[in-house]
Amino acid sequence: KGKHFDPLMLQVFMDNEQRFFEIAEKYK
């Protein structure tokens, strides 16, 4: 965070991590 990734964008990703986990599961 703030090194590799846009810190604000990554925070939104983390705040909504369940959504991305569900995508990963759906298309695993």
mmCIF file of all heavy atoms, coordinates in Angstrom:
data_MODEL
# 
_entry.id   MODEL 
# 
loop_
_atom_site.group_PDB 
_atom_site.id 
_atom_site.type_symbol 
_atom_site.label_atom_id 
_atom_site.label_alt_id 
_atom_site.label_comp_id 
_atom_site.label_asym_id 
_atom_site.label_entity_id 
_atom_site.label_seq_id 
_atom_site.pdbx_PDB_ins_code 
_atom_site.Cartn_x 
_atom_site.Cartn_y 
_atom_site.Cartn_z 
_atom_site.occupancy 
_atom_site.B_iso_or_equiv 
_atom_site.pdbx_formal_charge 
_atom_site.auth_seq_id 
_atom_site.auth_comp_id 
_atom_site.auth_asym_id 
_atom_site.auth_atom_id 
_atom_site.pdbx_PDB_model_num 
ATOM 1   N N   . LYS A 1 1  ? 0.844   -1.206  0.000   1.00 0.00 ? 1  LYS A N   1 
ATOM 2   C CA  . LYS A 1 1  ? 0.000   0.000   0.000   1.00 0.00 ? 1  LYS A CA  1 
ATOM 3   C C   . LYS A 1 1  ? 0.873   1.247   0.000   1.00 0.00 ? 1  LYS A C   1 
ATOM 4   O O   . LYS A 1 1  ? 1.714   1.440   0.884   1.00 0.00 ? 1  LYS A O   1 
ATOM 5   C CB  . LYS A 1 1  ? -0.909  -0.011  1.224   1.00 0.00 ? 1  LYS A CB  1 
ATOM 6   C CG  . LYS A 1 1  ? -1.914  1.140   1.252   1.00 0.00 ? 1  LYS A CG  1 
ATOM 7   C CD  . LYS A 1 1  ? -2.825  1.007   2.468   1.00 0.00 ? 1  LYS A CD  1 
ATOM 8   C CE  . LYS A 1 1  ? -3.861  2.132   2.495   1.00 0.00 ? 1  LYS A CE  1 
ATOM 9   N NZ  . LYS A 1 1  ? -4.762  2.018   3.672   1.00 0.00 ? 1  LYS A NZ  1 
ATOM 10  N N   . GLY A 1 2  ? 0.681   2.088   -1.006  1.00 0.00 ? 2  GLY A N   1 
ATOM 11  C CA  . GLY A 1 2  ? 1.487   3.300   -1.124  1.00 0.00 ? 2  GLY A CA  1 
ATOM 12  C C   . GLY A 1 2  ? 2.862   3.052   -1.701  1.00 0.00 ? 2  GLY A C   1 
ATOM 13  O O   . GLY A 1 2  ? 3.621   4.008   -1.912  1.00 0.00 ? 2  GLY A O   1 
ATOM 14  N N   . LYS A 1 3  ? 3.213   1.802   -1.924  1.00 0.00 ? 3  LYS A N   1 
ATOM 15  C CA  . LYS A 1 3  ? 4.487   1.450   -2.542  1.00 0.00 ? 3  LYS A CA  1 
ATOM 16  C C   . LYS A 1 3  ? 4.227   0.886   -3.937  1.00 0.00 ? 3  LYS A C   1 
ATOM 17  O O   . LYS A 1 3  ? 4.556   1.485   -4.947  1.00 0.00 ? 3  LYS A O   1 
ATOM 18  C CB  . LYS A 1 3  ? 5.241   0.439   -1.682  1.00 0.00 ? 3  LYS A CB  1 
ATOM 19  C CG  . LYS A 1 3  ? 5.582   0.949   -0.287  1.00 0.00 ? 3  LYS A CG  1 
ATOM 20  C CD  . LYS A 1 3  ? 6.212   -0.146  0.551   1.00 0.00 ? 3  LYS A CD  1 
ATOM 21  C CE  . LYS A 1 3  ? 6.496   0.339   1.969   1.00 0.00 ? 3  LYS A CE  1 
ATOM 22  N NZ  . LYS A 1 3  ? 7.068   -0.732  2.827   1.00 0.00 ? 3  LYS A NZ  1 
ATOM 23  N N   . HIS A 1 4  ? 3.635   -0.306  -3.946  1.00 0.00 ? 4  HIS A N   1 
ATOM 24  C CA  . HIS A 1 4  ? 3.267   -0.915  -5.224  1.00 0.00 ? 4  HIS A CA  1 
ATOM 25  C C   . HIS A 1 4  ? 1.945   -0.353  -5.747  1.00 0.00 ? 4  HIS A C   1 
ATOM 26  O O   . HIS A 1 4  ? 1.809   -0.041  -6.930  1.00 0.00 ? 4  HIS A O   1 
ATOM 27  C CB  . HIS A 1 4  ? 3.148   -2.428  -5.049  1.00 0.00 ? 4  HIS A CB  1 
ATOM 28  C CG  . HIS A 1 4  ? 3.020   -3.186  -6.331  1.00 0.00 ? 4  HIS A CG  1 
ATOM 29  N ND1 . HIS A 1 4  ? 3.506   -4.461  -6.509  1.00 0.00 ? 4  HIS A ND1 1 
ATOM 30  C CD2 . HIS A 1 4  ? 2.450   -2.863  -7.520  1.00 0.00 ? 4  HIS A CD2 1 
ATOM 31  C CE1 . HIS A 1 4  ? 3.254   -4.884  -7.740  1.00 0.00 ? 4  HIS A CE1 1 
ATOM 32  N NE2 . HIS A 1 4  ? 2.601   -3.935  -8.372  1.00 0.00 ? 4  HIS A NE2 1 
ATOM 33  N N   . PHE A 1 5  ? 0.985   -0.167  -4.840  1.00 0.00 ? 5  PHE A N   1 
ATOM 34  C CA  . PHE A 1 5  ? -0.388  0.145   -5.249  1.00 0.00 ? 5  PHE A CA  1 
ATOM 35  C C   . PHE A 1 5  ? -0.831  1.550   -4.833  1.00 0.00 ? 5  PHE A C   1 
ATOM 36  O O   . PHE A 1 5  ? -0.391  2.075   -3.802  1.00 0.00 ? 5  PHE A O   1 
ATOM 37  C CB  . PHE A 1 5  ? -1.356  -0.874  -4.640  1.00 0.00 ? 5  PHE A CB  1 
ATOM 38  C CG  . PHE A 1 5  ? -0.972  -2.303  -4.880  1.00 0.00 ? 5  PHE A CG  1 
ATOM 39  C CD1 . PHE A 1 5  ? -0.545  -3.106  -3.825  1.00 0.00 ? 5  PHE A CD1 1 
ATOM 40  C CD2 . PHE A 1 5  ? -1.015  -2.854  -6.150  1.00 0.00 ? 5  PHE A CD2 1 
ATOM 41  C CE1 . PHE A 1 5  ? -0.189  -4.425  -4.029  1.00 0.00 ? 5  PHE A CE1 1 
ATOM 42  C CE2 . PHE A 1 5  ? -0.660  -4.169  -6.369  1.00 0.00 ? 5  PHE A CE2 1 
ATOM 43  C CZ  . PHE A 1 5  ? -0.238  -4.966  -5.314  1.00 0.00 ? 5  PHE A CZ  1 
ATOM 44  N N   . ASP A 1 6  ? -1.713  2.100   -5.639  1.00 0.00 ? 6  ASP A N   1 
ATOM 45  C CA  . ASP A 1 6  ? -2.428  3.333   -5.281  1.00 0.00 ? 6  ASP A CA  1 
ATOM 46  C C   . ASP A 1 6  ? -3.066  3.097   -3.903  1.00 0.00 ? 6  ASP A C   1 
ATOM 47  O O   . ASP A 1 6  ? -3.919  2.212   -3.756  1.00 0.00 ? 6  ASP A O   1 
ATOM 48  C CB  . ASP A 1 6  ? -3.490  3.597   -6.351  1.00 0.00 ? 6  ASP A CB  1 
ATOM 49  C CG  . ASP A 1 6  ? -4.373  4.802   -6.060  1.00 0.00 ? 6  ASP A CG  1 
ATOM 50  O OD1 . ASP A 1 6  ? -4.518  5.187   -4.877  1.00 0.00 ? 6  ASP A OD1 1 
ATOM 51  O OD2 . ASP A 1 6  ? -4.960  5.348   -7.012  1.00 0.00 ? 6  ASP A OD2 1 
ATOM 52  N N   . PRO A 1 7  ? -2.678  3.852   -2.878  1.00 0.00 ? 7  PRO A N   1 
ATOM 53  C CA  . PRO A 1 7  ? -3.151  3.538   -1.523  1.00 0.00 ? 7  PRO A CA  1 
ATOM 54  C C   . PRO A 1 7  ? -4.663  3.681   -1.355  1.00 0.00 ? 7  PRO A C   1 
ATOM 55  O O   . PRO A 1 7  ? -5.292  2.869   -0.647  1.00 0.00 ? 7  PRO A O   1 
ATOM 56  C CB  . PRO A 1 7  ? -2.407  4.544   -0.642  1.00 0.00 ? 7  PRO A CB  1 
ATOM 57  C CG  . PRO A 1 7  ? -1.995  5.646   -1.563  1.00 0.00 ? 7  PRO A CG  1 
ATOM 58  C CD  . PRO A 1 7  ? -1.758  4.993   -2.889  1.00 0.00 ? 7  PRO A CD  1 
ATOM 59  N N   . LEU A 1 8  ? -5.265  4.686   -1.981  1.00 0.00 ? 8  LEU A N   1 
ATOM 60  C CA  . LEU A 1 8  ? -6.708  4.880   -1.858  1.00 0.00 ? 8  LEU A CA  1 
ATOM 61  C C   . LEU A 1 8  ? -7.463  3.763   -2.566  1.00 0.00 ? 8  LEU A C   1 
ATOM 62  O O   . LEU A 1 8  ? -8.442  3.216   -2.048  1.00 0.00 ? 8  LEU A O   1 
ATOM 63  C CB  . LEU A 1 8  ? -7.105  6.244   -2.440  1.00 0.00 ? 8  LEU A CB  1 
ATOM 64  C CG  . LEU A 1 8  ? -8.563  6.673   -2.290  1.00 0.00 ? 8  LEU A CG  1 
ATOM 65  C CD1 . LEU A 1 8  ? -8.981  6.658   -0.831  1.00 0.00 ? 8  LEU A CD1 1 
ATOM 66  C CD2 . LEU A 1 8  ? -8.763  8.074   -2.883  1.00 0.00 ? 8  LEU A CD2 1 
ATOM 67  N N   . MET A 1 9  ? -6.979  3.407   -3.727  1.00 0.00 ? 9  MET A N   1 
ATOM 68  C CA  . MET A 1 9  ? -7.611  2.346   -4.505  1.00 0.00 ? 9  MET A CA  1 
ATOM 69  C C   . MET A 1 9  ? -7.497  1.001   -3.779  1.00 0.00 ? 9  MET A C   1 
ATOM 70  O O   . MET A 1 9  ? -8.463  0.224   -3.718  1.00 0.00 ? 9  MET A O   1 
ATOM 71  C CB  . MET A 1 9  ? -6.951  2.275   -5.890  1.00 0.00 ? 9  MET A CB  1 
ATOM 72  C CG  . MET A 1 9  ? -7.744  1.557   -6.947  1.00 0.00 ? 9  MET A CG  1 
ATOM 73  S SD  . MET A 1 9  ? -6.885  1.584   -8.557  1.00 0.00 ? 9  MET A SD  1 
ATOM 74  C CE  . MET A 1 9  ? -7.151  3.276   -9.074  1.00 0.00 ? 9  MET A CE  1 
ATOM 75  N N   . LEU A 1 10 ? -6.329  0.739   -3.207  1.00 0.00 ? 10 LEU A N   1 
ATOM 76  C CA  . LEU A 1 10 ? -6.139  -0.522  -2.495  1.00 0.00 ? 10 LEU A CA  1 
ATOM 77  C C   . LEU A 1 10 ? -7.021  -0.577  -1.252  1.00 0.00 ? 10 LEU A C   1 
ATOM 78  O O   . LEU A 1 10 ? -7.553  -1.643  -0.907  1.00 0.00 ? 10 LEU A O   1 
ATOM 79  C CB  . LEU A 1 10 ? -4.678  -0.706  -2.098  1.00 0.00 ? 10 LEU A CB  1 
ATOM 80  C CG  . LEU A 1 10 ? -4.378  -2.049  -1.414  1.00 0.00 ? 10 LEU A CG  1 
ATOM 81  C CD1 . LEU A 1 10 ? -4.563  -3.204  -2.381  1.00 0.00 ? 10 LEU A CD1 1 
ATOM 82  C CD2 . LEU A 1 10 ? -2.976  -2.075  -0.819  1.00 0.00 ? 10 LEU A CD2 1 
ATOM 83  N N   . GLN A 1 11 ? -7.218  0.571   -0.584  1.00 0.00 ? 11 GLN A N   1 
ATOM 84  C CA  . GLN A 1 11 ? -8.060  0.582   0.601   1.00 0.00 ? 11 GLN A CA  1 
ATOM 85  C C   . GLN A 1 11 ? -9.500  0.210   0.260   1.00 0.00 ? 11 GLN A C   1 
ATOM 86  O O   . GLN A 1 11 ? -10.153 -0.535  0.989   1.00 0.00 ? 11 GLN A O   1 
ATOM 87  C CB  . GLN A 1 11 ? -8.024  1.959   1.267   1.00 0.00 ? 11 GLN A CB  1 
ATOM 88  C CG  . GLN A 1 11 ? -8.725  2.007   2.620   1.00 0.00 ? 11 GLN A CG  1 
ATOM 89  C CD  . GLN A 1 11 ? -8.108  1.037   3.608   1.00 0.00 ? 11 GLN A CD  1 
ATOM 90  O OE1 . GLN A 1 11 ? -6.901  1.049   3.840   1.00 0.00 ? 11 GLN A OE1 1 
ATOM 91  N NE2 . GLN A 1 11 ? -8.934  0.156   4.191   1.00 0.00 ? 11 GLN A NE2 1 
ATOM 92  N N   . VAL A 1 12 ? -9.982  0.710   -0.874  1.00 0.00 ? 12 VAL A N   1 
ATOM 93  C CA  . VAL A 1 12 ? -11.332 0.352   -1.324  1.00 0.00 ? 12 VAL A CA  1 
ATOM 94  C C   . VAL A 1 12 ? -11.399 -1.143  -1.621  1.00 0.00 ? 12 VAL A C   1 
ATOM 95  O O   . VAL A 1 12 ? -12.383 -1.815  -1.290  1.00 0.00 ? 12 VAL A O   1 
ATOM 96  C CB  . VAL A 1 12 ? -11.732 1.183   -2.571  1.00 0.00 ? 12 VAL A CB  1 
ATOM 97  C CG1 . VAL A 1 12 ? -13.059 0.679   -3.150  1.00 0.00 ? 12 VAL A CG1 1 
ATOM 98  C CG2 . VAL A 1 12 ? -11.835 2.654   -2.222  1.00 0.00 ? 12 VAL A CG2 1 
ATOM 99  N N   . PHE A 1 13 ? -10.344 -1.661  -2.237  1.00 0.00 ? 13 PHE A N   1 
ATOM 100 C CA  . PHE A 1 13 ? -10.272 -3.100  -2.502  1.00 0.00 ? 13 PHE A CA  1 
ATOM 101 C C   . PHE A 1 13 ? -10.372 -3.888  -1.196  1.00 0.00 ? 13 PHE A C   1 
ATOM 102 O O   . PHE A 1 13 ? -11.138 -4.860  -1.091  1.00 0.00 ? 13 PHE A O   1 
ATOM 103 C CB  . PHE A 1 13 ? -8.958  -3.411  -3.231  1.00 0.00 ? 13 PHE A CB  1 
ATOM 104 C CG  . PHE A 1 13 ? -8.739  -4.866  -3.548  1.00 0.00 ? 13 PHE A CG  1 
ATOM 105 C CD1 . PHE A 1 13 ? -9.185  -5.399  -4.744  1.00 0.00 ? 13 PHE A CD1 1 
ATOM 106 C CD2 . PHE A 1 13 ? -8.076  -5.697  -2.652  1.00 0.00 ? 13 PHE A CD2 1 
ATOM 107 C CE1 . PHE A 1 13 ? -8.987  -6.746  -5.046  1.00 0.00 ? 13 PHE A CE1 1 
ATOM 108 C CE2 . PHE A 1 13 ? -7.870  -7.036  -2.943  1.00 0.00 ? 13 PHE A CE2 1 
ATOM 109 C CZ  . PHE A 1 13 ? -8.334  -7.561  -4.145  1.00 0.00 ? 13 PHE A CZ  1 
ATOM 110 N N   . MET A 1 14 ? -9.617  -3.466  -0.191  1.00 0.00 ? 14 MET A N   1 
ATOM 111 C CA  . MET A 1 14 ? -9.616  -4.177  1.089   1.00 0.00 ? 14 MET A CA  1 
ATOM 112 C C   . MET A 1 14 ? -10.949 -4.020  1.823   1.00 0.00 ? 14 MET A C   1 
ATOM 113 O O   . MET A 1 14 ? -11.432 -4.967  2.456   1.00 0.00 ? 14 MET A O   1 
ATOM 114 C CB  . MET A 1 14 ? -8.477  -3.654  1.970   1.00 0.00 ? 14 MET A CB  1 
ATOM 115 C CG  . MET A 1 14 ? -7.101  -4.004  1.450   1.00 0.00 ? 14 MET A CG  1 
ATOM 116 S SD  . MET A 1 14 ? -6.882  -5.807  1.266   1.00 0.00 ? 14 MET A SD  1 
ATOM 117 C CE  . MET A 1 14 ? -5.285  -5.874  0.465   1.00 0.00 ? 14 MET A CE  1 
ATOM 118 N N   . ASP A 1 15 ? -11.548 -2.851  1.732   1.00 0.00 ? 15 ASP A N   1 
ATOM 119 C CA  . ASP A 1 15 ? -12.829 -2.621  2.400   1.00 0.00 ? 15 ASP A CA  1 
ATOM 120 C C   . ASP A 1 15 ? -13.948 -3.477  1.808   1.00 0.00 ? 15 ASP A C   1 
ATOM 121 O O   . ASP A 1 15 ? -14.987 -3.683  2.449   1.00 0.00 ? 15 ASP A O   1 
ATOM 122 C CB  . ASP A 1 15 ? -13.221 -1.141  2.301   1.00 0.00 ? 15 ASP A CB  1 
ATOM 123 C CG  . ASP A 1 15 ? -12.339 -0.247  3.161   1.00 0.00 ? 15 ASP A CG  1 
ATOM 124 O OD1 . ASP A 1 15 ? -11.644 -0.772  4.042   1.00 0.00 ? 15 ASP A OD1 1 
ATOM 125 O OD2 . ASP A 1 15 ? -12.334 0.984   2.930   1.00 0.00 ? 15 ASP A OD2 1 
ATOM 126 N N   . ASN A 1 16 ? -13.722 -3.929  0.582   1.00 0.00 ? 16 ASN A N   1 
ATOM 127 C CA  . ASN A 1 16 ? -14.738 -4.726  -0.113  1.00 0.00 ? 16 ASN A CA  1 
ATOM 128 C C   . ASN A 1 16 ? -14.167 -6.087  -0.537  1.00 0.00 ? 16 ASN A C   1 
ATOM 129 O O   . ASN A 1 16 ? -14.585 -6.648  -1.551  1.00 0.00 ? 16 ASN A O   1 
ATOM 130 C CB  . ASN A 1 16 ? -15.243 -3.971  -1.345  1.00 0.00 ? 16 ASN A CB  1 
ATOM 131 C CG  . ASN A 1 16 ? -15.939 -2.677  -0.998  1.00 0.00 ? 16 ASN A CG  1 
ATOM 132 O OD1 . ASN A 1 16 ? -17.142 -2.645  -0.734  1.00 0.00 ? 16 ASN A OD1 1 
ATOM 133 N ND2 . ASN A 1 16 ? -15.185 -1.580  -1.007  1.00 0.00 ? 16 ASN A ND2 1 
ATOM 134 N N   . GLU A 1 17 ? -13.226 -6.597  0.241   1.00 0.00 ? 17 GLU A N   1 
ATOM 135 C CA  . GLU A 1 17 ? -12.493 -7.804  -0.164  1.00 0.00 ? 17 GLU A CA  1 
ATOM 136 C C   . GLU A 1 17 ? -13.388 -9.008  -0.406  1.00 0.00 ? 17 GLU A C   1 
ATOM 137 O O   . GLU A 1 17 ? -13.079 -9.862  -1.238  1.00 0.00 ? 17 GLU A O   1 
ATOM 138 C CB  . GLU A 1 17 ? -11.427 -8.140  0.870   1.00 0.00 ? 17 GLU A CB  1 
ATOM 139 C CG  . GLU A 1 17 ? -11.960 -8.409  2.263   1.00 0.00 ? 17 GLU A CG  1 
ATOM 140 C CD  . GLU A 1 17 ? -10.832 -8.713  3.240   1.00 0.00 ? 17 GLU A CD  1 
ATOM 141 O OE1 . GLU A 1 17 ? -10.055 -9.653  2.963   1.00 0.00 ? 17 GLU A OE1 1 
ATOM 142 O OE2 . GLU A 1 17 ? -10.714 -8.021  4.254   1.00 0.00 ? 17 GLU A OE2 1 
ATOM 143 N N   . GLN A 1 18 ? -14.521 -9.077  0.285   1.00 0.00 ? 18 GLN A N   1 
ATOM 144 C CA  . GLN A 1 18 ? -15.414 -10.213 0.112   1.00 0.00 ? 18 GLN A CA  1 
ATOM 145 C C   . GLN A 1 18 ? -15.919 -10.305 -1.325  1.00 0.00 ? 18 GLN A C   1 
ATOM 146 O O   . GLN A 1 18 ? -16.079 -11.401 -1.866  1.00 0.00 ? 18 GLN A O   1 
ATOM 147 C CB  . GLN A 1 18 ? -16.597 -10.120 1.082   1.00 0.00 ? 18 GLN A CB  1 
ATOM 148 C CG  . GLN A 1 18 ? -17.554 -11.305 1.030   1.00 0.00 ? 18 GLN A CG  1 
ATOM 149 C CD  . GLN A 1 18 ? -16.902 -12.628 1.373   1.00 0.00 ? 18 GLN A CD  1 
ATOM 150 O OE1 . GLN A 1 18 ? -15.929 -12.682 2.132   1.00 0.00 ? 18 GLN A OE1 1 
ATOM 151 N NE2 . GLN A 1 18 ? -17.408 -13.714 0.819   1.00 0.00 ? 18 GLN A NE2 1 
ATOM 152 N N   . ARG A 1 19 ? -16.155 -9.150  -1.949  1.00 0.00 ? 19 ARG A N   1 
ATOM 153 C CA  . ARG A 1 19 ? -16.633 -9.139  -3.344  1.00 0.00 ? 19 ARG A CA  1 
ATOM 154 C C   . ARG A 1 19 ? -15.602 -9.777  -4.266  1.00 0.00 ? 19 ARG A C   1 
ATOM 155 O O   . ARG A 1 19 ? -15.950 -10.517 -5.189  1.00 0.00 ? 19 ARG A O   1 
ATOM 156 C CB  . ARG A 1 19 ? -16.918 -7.715  -3.801  1.00 0.00 ? 19 ARG A CB  1 
ATOM 157 C CG  . ARG A 1 19 ? -17.990 -6.991  -2.999  1.00 0.00 ? 19 ARG A CG  1 
ATOM 158 C CD  . ARG A 1 19 ? -18.386 -5.723  -3.713  1.00 0.00 ? 19 ARG A CD  1 
ATOM 159 N NE  . ARG A 1 19 ? -19.295 -4.915  -2.908  1.00 0.00 ? 19 ARG A NE  1 
ATOM 160 C CZ  . ARG A 1 19 ? -20.023 -3.909  -3.381  1.00 0.00 ? 19 ARG A CZ  1 
ATOM 161 N NH1 . ARG A 1 19 ? -19.946 -3.597  -4.673  1.00 0.00 ? 19 ARG A NH1 1 
ATOM 162 N NH2 . ARG A 1 19 ? -20.811 -3.210  -2.600  1.00 0.00 ? 19 ARG A NH2 1 
ATOM 163 N N   . PHE A 1 20 ? -14.333 -9.493  -4.025  1.00 0.00 ? 20 PHE A N   1 
ATOM 164 C CA  . PHE A 1 20 ? -13.281 -10.008 -4.901  1.00 0.00 ? 20 PHE A CA  1 
ATOM 165 C C   . PHE A 1 20 ? -13.009 -11.487 -4.610  1.00 0.00 ? 20 PHE A C   1 
ATOM 166 O O   . PHE A 1 20 ? -12.690 -12.256 -5.534  1.00 0.00 ? 20 PHE A O   1 
ATOM 167 C CB  . PHE A 1 20 ? -12.031 -9.148  -4.740  1.00 0.00 ? 20 PHE A CB  1 
ATOM 168 C CG  . PHE A 1 20 ? -12.281 -7.716  -5.121  1.00 0.00 ? 20 PHE A CG  1 
ATOM 169 C CD1 . PHE A 1 20 ? -12.597 -6.773  -4.149  1.00 0.00 ? 20 PHE A CD1 1 
ATOM 170 C CD2 . PHE A 1 20 ? -12.272 -7.326  -6.447  1.00 0.00 ? 20 PHE A CD2 1 
ATOM 171 C CE1 . PHE A 1 20 ? -12.869 -5.465  -4.495  1.00 0.00 ? 20 PHE A CE1 1 
ATOM 172 C CE2 . PHE A 1 20 ? -12.549 -6.021  -6.806  1.00 0.00 ? 20 PHE A CE2 1 
ATOM 173 C CZ  . PHE A 1 20 ? -12.857 -5.081  -5.828  1.00 0.00 ? 20 PHE A CZ  1 
ATOM 174 N N   . PHE A 1 21 ? -13.158 -11.863 -3.361  1.00 0.00 ? 21 PHE A N   1 
ATOM 175 C CA  . PHE A 1 21 ? -13.041 -13.279 -3.017  1.00 0.00 ? 21 PHE A CA  1 
ATOM 176 C C   . PHE A 1 21 ? -14.130 -14.078 -3.723  1.00 0.00 ? 21 PHE A C   1 
ATOM 177 O O   . PHE A 1 21 ? -13.885 -15.176 -4.240  1.00 0.00 ? 21 PHE A O   1 
ATOM 178 C CB  . PHE A 1 21 ? -13.149 -13.456 -1.500  1.00 0.00 ? 21 PHE A CB  1 
ATOM 179 C CG  . PHE A 1 21 ? -13.133 -14.884 -1.061  1.00 0.00 ? 21 PHE A CG  1 
ATOM 180 C CD1 . PHE A 1 21 ? -11.970 -15.630 -1.078  1.00 0.00 ? 21 PHE A CD1 1 
ATOM 181 C CD2 . PHE A 1 21 ? -14.309 -15.514 -0.639  1.00 0.00 ? 21 PHE A CD2 1 
ATOM 182 C CE1 . PHE A 1 21 ? -11.961 -16.970 -0.675  1.00 0.00 ? 21 PHE A CE1 1 
ATOM 183 C CE2 . PHE A 1 21 ? -14.311 -16.841 -0.238  1.00 0.00 ? 21 PHE A CE2 1 
ATOM 184 C CZ  . PHE A 1 21 ? -13.127 -17.571 -0.259  1.00 0.00 ? 21 PHE A CZ  1 
ATOM 185 N N   . GLU A 1 22 ? -15.349 -13.519 -3.763  1.00 0.00 ? 22 GLU A N   1 
ATOM 186 C CA  . GLU A 1 22 ? -16.460 -14.211 -4.422  1.00 0.00 ? 22 GLU A CA  1 
ATOM 187 C C   . GLU A 1 22 ? -16.231 -14.335 -5.926  1.00 0.00 ? 22 GLU A C   1 
ATOM 188 O O   . GLU A 1 22 ? -16.577 -15.358 -6.540  1.00 0.00 ? 22 GLU A O   1 
ATOM 189 C CB  . GLU A 1 22 ? -17.768 -13.465 -4.148  1.00 0.00 ? 22 GLU A CB  1 
ATOM 190 C CG  . GLU A 1 22 ? -18.230 -13.593 -2.695  1.00 0.00 ? 22 GLU A CG  1 
ATOM 191 C CD  . GLU A 1 22 ? -19.400 -12.686 -2.373  1.00 0.00 ? 22 GLU A CD  1 
ATOM 192 O OE1 . GLU A 1 22 ? -19.834 -11.921 -3.274  1.00 0.00 ? 22 GLU A OE1 1 
ATOM 193 O OE2 . GLU A 1 22 ? -19.882 -12.718 -1.226  1.00 0.00 ? 22 GLU A OE2 1 
ATOM 194 N N   . ILE A 1 23 ? -15.648 -13.306 -6.541  1.00 0.00 ? 23 ILE A N   1 
ATOM 195 C CA  . ILE A 1 23 ? -15.306 -13.399 -7.973  1.00 0.00 ? 23 ILE A CA  1 
ATOM 196 C C   . ILE A 1 23 ? -14.281 -14.511 -8.191  1.00 0.00 ? 23 ILE A C   1 
ATOM 197 O O   . ILE A 1 23 ? -14.395 -15.319 -9.119  1.00 0.00 ? 23 ILE A O   1 
ATOM 198 C CB  . ILE A 1 23 ? -14.765 -12.048 -8.484  1.00 0.00 ? 23 ILE A CB  1 
ATOM 199 C CG1 . ILE A 1 23 ? -15.879 -10.997 -8.520  1.00 0.00 ? 23 ILE A CG1 1 
ATOM 200 C CG2 . ILE A 1 23 ? -14.148 -12.210 -9.884  1.00 0.00 ? 23 ILE A CG2 1 
ATOM 201 C CD1 . ILE A 1 23 ? -15.403 -9.589  -8.830  1.00 0.00 ? 23 ILE A CD1 1 
ATOM 202 N N   . ALA A 1 24 ? -13.276 -14.553 -7.326  1.00 0.00 ? 24 ALA A N   1 
ATOM 203 C CA  . ALA A 1 24 ? -12.241 -15.585 -7.442  1.00 0.00 ? 24 ALA A CA  1 
ATOM 204 C C   . ALA A 1 24 ? -12.832 -16.984 -7.320  1.00 0.00 ? 24 ALA A C   1 
ATOM 205 O O   . ALA A 1 24 ? -12.450 -17.905 -8.059  1.00 0.00 ? 24 ALA A O   1 
ATOM 206 C CB  . ALA A 1 24 ? -11.179 -15.360 -6.373  1.00 0.00 ? 24 ALA A CB  1 
ATOM 207 N N   . GLU A 1 25 ? -13.790 -17.139 -6.406  1.00 0.00 ? 25 GLU A N   1 
ATOM 208 C CA  . GLU A 1 25 ? -14.429 -18.438 -6.227  1.00 0.00 ? 25 GLU A CA  1 
ATOM 209 C C   . GLU A 1 25 ? -15.308 -18.799 -7.424  1.00 0.00 ? 25 GLU A C   1 
ATOM 210 O O   . GLU A 1 25 ? -15.348 -19.954 -7.865  1.00 0.00 ? 25 GLU A O   1 
ATOM 211 C CB  . GLU A 1 25 ? -15.280 -18.419 -4.947  1.00 0.00 ? 25 GLU A CB  1 
ATOM 212 C CG  . GLU A 1 25 ? -14.462 -18.514 -3.677  1.00 0.00 ? 25 GLU A CG  1 
ATOM 213 C CD  . GLU A 1 25 ? -13.760 -19.859 -3.562  1.00 0.00 ? 25 GLU A CD  1 
ATOM 214 O OE1 . GLU A 1 25 ? -14.447 -20.891 -3.488  1.00 0.00 ? 25 GLU A OE1 1 
ATOM 215 O OE2 . GLU A 1 25 ? -12.509 -19.862 -3.574  1.00 0.00 ? 25 GLU A OE2 1 
ATOM 216 N N   . LYS A 1 26 ? -16.017 -17.807 -7.935  1.00 0.00 ? 26 LYS A N   1 
ATOM 217 C CA  . LYS A 1 26 ? -16.936 -18.054 -9.053  1.00 0.00 ? 26 LYS A CA  1 
ATOM 218 C C   . LYS A 1 26 ? -16.190 -18.526 -10.299 1.00 0.00 ? 26 LYS A C   1 
ATOM 219 O O   . LYS A 1 26 ? -16.661 -19.395 -11.042 1.00 0.00 ? 26 LYS A O   1 
ATOM 220 C CB  . LYS A 1 26 ? -17.728 -16.788 -9.360  1.00 0.00 ? 26 LYS A CB  1 
ATOM 221 C CG  . LYS A 1 26 ? -18.753 -16.964 -10.472 1.00 0.00 ? 26 LYS A CG  1 
ATOM 222 C CD  . LYS A 1 26 ? -19.562 -15.683 -10.669 1.00 0.00 ? 26 LYS A CD  1 
ATOM 223 C CE  . LYS A 1 26 ? -20.598 -15.863 -11.787 1.00 0.00 ? 26 LYS A CE  1 
ATOM 224 N NZ  . LYS A 1 26 ? -21.420 -14.623 -11.964 1.00 0.00 ? 26 LYS A NZ  1 
ATOM 225 N N   . TYR A 1 27 ? -15.011 -17.947 -10.533 1.00 0.00 ? 27 TYR A N   1 
ATOM 226 C CA  . TYR A 1 27 ? -14.271 -18.261 -11.772 1.00 0.00 ? 27 TYR A CA  1 
ATOM 227 C C   . TYR A 1 27 ? -12.961 -19.001 -11.472 1.00 0.00 ? 27 TYR A C   1 
ATOM 228 O O   . TYR A 1 27 ? -11.984 -18.888 -12.223 1.00 0.00 ? 27 TYR A O   1 
ATOM 229 C CB  . TYR A 1 27 ? -13.967 -16.968 -12.530 1.00 0.00 ? 27 TYR A CB  1 
ATOM 230 C CG  . TYR A 1 27 ? -15.200 -16.209 -12.952 1.00 0.00 ? 27 TYR A CG  1 
ATOM 231 C CD1 . TYR A 1 27 ? -15.589 -15.048 -12.285 1.00 0.00 ? 27 TYR A CD1 1 
ATOM 232 C CD2 . TYR A 1 27 ? -15.995 -16.654 -14.002 1.00 0.00 ? 27 TYR A CD2 1 
ATOM 233 C CE1 . TYR A 1 27 ? -16.721 -14.342 -12.664 1.00 0.00 ? 27 TYR A CE1 1 
ATOM 234 C CE2 . TYR A 1 27 ? -17.130 -15.956 -14.388 1.00 0.00 ? 27 TYR A CE2 1 
ATOM 235 C CZ  . TYR A 1 27 ? -17.488 -14.799 -13.706 1.00 0.00 ? 27 TYR A CZ  1 
ATOM 236 O OH  . TYR A 1 27 ? -18.615 -14.106 -14.079 1.00 0.00 ? 27 TYR A OH  1 
ATOM 237 N N   . LYS A 1 28 ? -12.933 -19.774 -10.392 1.00 0.00 ? 28 LYS A N   1 
ATOM 238 C CA  . LYS A 1 28 ? -11.702 -20.458 -10.038 1.00 0.00 ? 28 LYS A CA  1 
ATOM 239 C C   . LYS A 1 28 ? -11.335 -21.520 -11.074 1.00 0.00 ? 28 LYS A C   1 
ATOM 240 O O   . LYS A 1 28 ? -12.210 -22.074 -11.760 1.00 0.00 ? 28 LYS A O   1 
ATOM 241 C CB  . LYS A 1 28 ? -11.828 -21.072 -8.644  1.00 0.00 ? 28 LYS A CB  1 
ATOM 242 C CG  . LYS A 1 28 ? -12.848 -22.178 -8.515  1.00 0.00 ? 28 LYS A CG  1 
ATOM 243 C CD  . LYS A 1 28 ? -12.896 -22.658 -7.061  1.00 0.00 ? 28 LYS A CD  1 
ATOM 244 C CE  . LYS A 1 28 ? -13.960 -23.741 -6.879  1.00 0.00 ? 28 LYS A CE  1 
ATOM 245 N NZ  . LYS A 1 28 ? -14.027 -24.189 -5.473  1.00 0.00 ? 28 LYS A NZ  1 
# 
